[in-house]
Amino acid sequence: MSPPSRVDLELDCRAMLCPAPIIELANRVGEVPVGGLLAVVADDVAARYDVPAWCRMKEHDYLGEDLADDATPRYLVRRTH
C-alpha cells in the first residue's frame, strides 16, 4: 500500500503494549476532522489485529498498514463520523 498523501495525525505508540495503542487511538480520534486520516505507529504485534477490530466496532475505515520511516508498522484509519 502506498502511503496516503496526507496524514492529519500520527500517533507514536512505539513501546506501548495492548491495549494502550487502542486507548490512545480512541482518545485522540476526535482531534481529526471527519474524513481525516490517523496513523497509529505501533510495534506491539497485537496492534495488527486490534486497530482493524476497533475500526469495525467504532465504524471507522481501516485503510491498511504501511511502514513508518524506521520500519515500524503504521496502521491507517480514516475517521468517518
Protein backbone atom coordinates (compact mmCIF):
# COMPACT_ATOMS: atom_id res chain seq x y z
CA MET A 1 0.00 0.00 0.00
CA SER A 2 1.37 3.42 -0.86
CA PRO A 3 1.27 6.00 1.92
CA PRO A 4 -1.63 8.43 1.86
CA SER A 5 -0.83 11.89 0.58
CA ARG A 6 -1.64 13.45 3.95
CA VAL A 7 -1.97 12.08 7.45
CA ASP A 8 -3.72 14.51 9.78
CA LEU A 9 -2.42 12.95 13.00
CA GLU A 10 0.26 10.35 13.60
CA LEU A 11 0.20 8.64 16.98
CA ASP A 12 3.54 7.35 18.23
CA CYS A 13 2.60 4.23 20.14
CA ARG A 14 6.01 2.56 20.00
CA ALA A 15 6.81 0.58 23.17
CA MET A 16 3.14 0.63 24.24
CA LEU A 17 1.58 -2.75 24.93
CA CYS A 18 -2.02 -3.75 24.31
CA PRO A 19 -4.43 -2.10 24.96
CA ALA A 20 -2.55 1.22 25.19
CA PRO A 21 -2.35 1.90 21.40
CA ILE A 22 -6.11 1.42 21.06
CA ILE A 23 -6.82 3.62 24.08
CA GLU A 24 -4.62 6.32 22.53
CA LEU A 25 -6.47 5.96 19.20
CA ALA A 26 -9.87 6.14 20.91
CA ASN A 27 -8.88 9.19 22.96
CA ARG A 28 -7.45 11.14 20.03
CA VAL A 29 -9.63 10.26 17.02
CA GLY A 30 -11.75 13.34 17.77
CA GLU A 31 -8.75 15.59 17.04
CA VAL A 32 -9.02 14.69 13.35
CA PRO A 33 -11.79 16.08 11.15
CA VAL A 34 -14.37 13.69 9.70
CA GLY A 35 -12.76 12.24 6.59
CA GLY A 36 -9.29 12.85 8.04
CA LEU A 37 -6.54 10.26 8.40
CA LEU A 38 -4.84 8.98 11.52
CA ALA A 39 -1.74 6.82 11.57
CA VAL A 40 -1.00 4.61 14.55
CA VAL A 41 2.68 3.69 14.71
CA ALA A 42 2.96 0.66 16.99
CA ASP A 43 5.48 -2.12 17.47
CA ASP A 44 3.17 -4.28 19.62
CA VAL A 45 2.15 -7.19 17.38
CA ALA A 46 -1.40 -7.10 18.77
CA ALA A 47 -1.97 -3.73 17.08
CA ARG A 48 -2.10 -5.50 13.70
CA TYR A 49 -5.36 -7.10 14.85
CA ASP A 50 -6.60 -4.54 17.36
CA VAL A 51 -6.64 -1.48 15.10
CA PRO A 52 -8.81 -3.10 12.36
CA ALA A 53 -11.11 -4.60 15.04
CA TRP A 54 -11.51 -1.20 16.73
CA CYS A 55 -12.33 0.36 13.36
CA ARG A 56 -15.05 -2.24 12.73
CA MET A 57 -16.54 -1.76 16.19
CA LYS A 58 -16.47 2.05 16.00
CA GLU A 59 -17.40 2.22 12.30
CA HIS A 60 -14.28 3.99 11.06
CA ASP A 61 -12.43 2.93 7.91
CA TYR A 62 -9.31 0.83 8.30
CA LEU A 63 -7.11 1.62 5.30
CA GLY A 64 -4.35 -0.91 5.91
CA GLU A 65 -0.76 -0.94 7.02
CA ASP A 66 2.44 0.63 5.79
CA LEU A 67 5.74 1.44 7.48
CA ALA A 68 6.98 4.46 9.40
CA ASP A 69 10.40 5.89 8.49
CA ASP A 70 12.09 3.50 10.94
CA ALA A 71 10.22 0.46 9.50
CA THR A 72 7.81 0.25 12.47
CA PRO A 73 4.32 -0.83 11.35
CA ARG A 74 1.94 2.08 10.80
CA TYR A 75 -1.83 1.44 10.76
CA LEU A 76 -4.01 3.87 8.80
CA VAL A 77 -7.51 4.91 9.88
CA ARG A 78 -9.99 7.28 8.25
CA ARG A 79 -12.41 8.97 10.65
CA THR A 80 -15.96 8.54 9.32
CA HIS A 81 -18.08 10.31 11.93
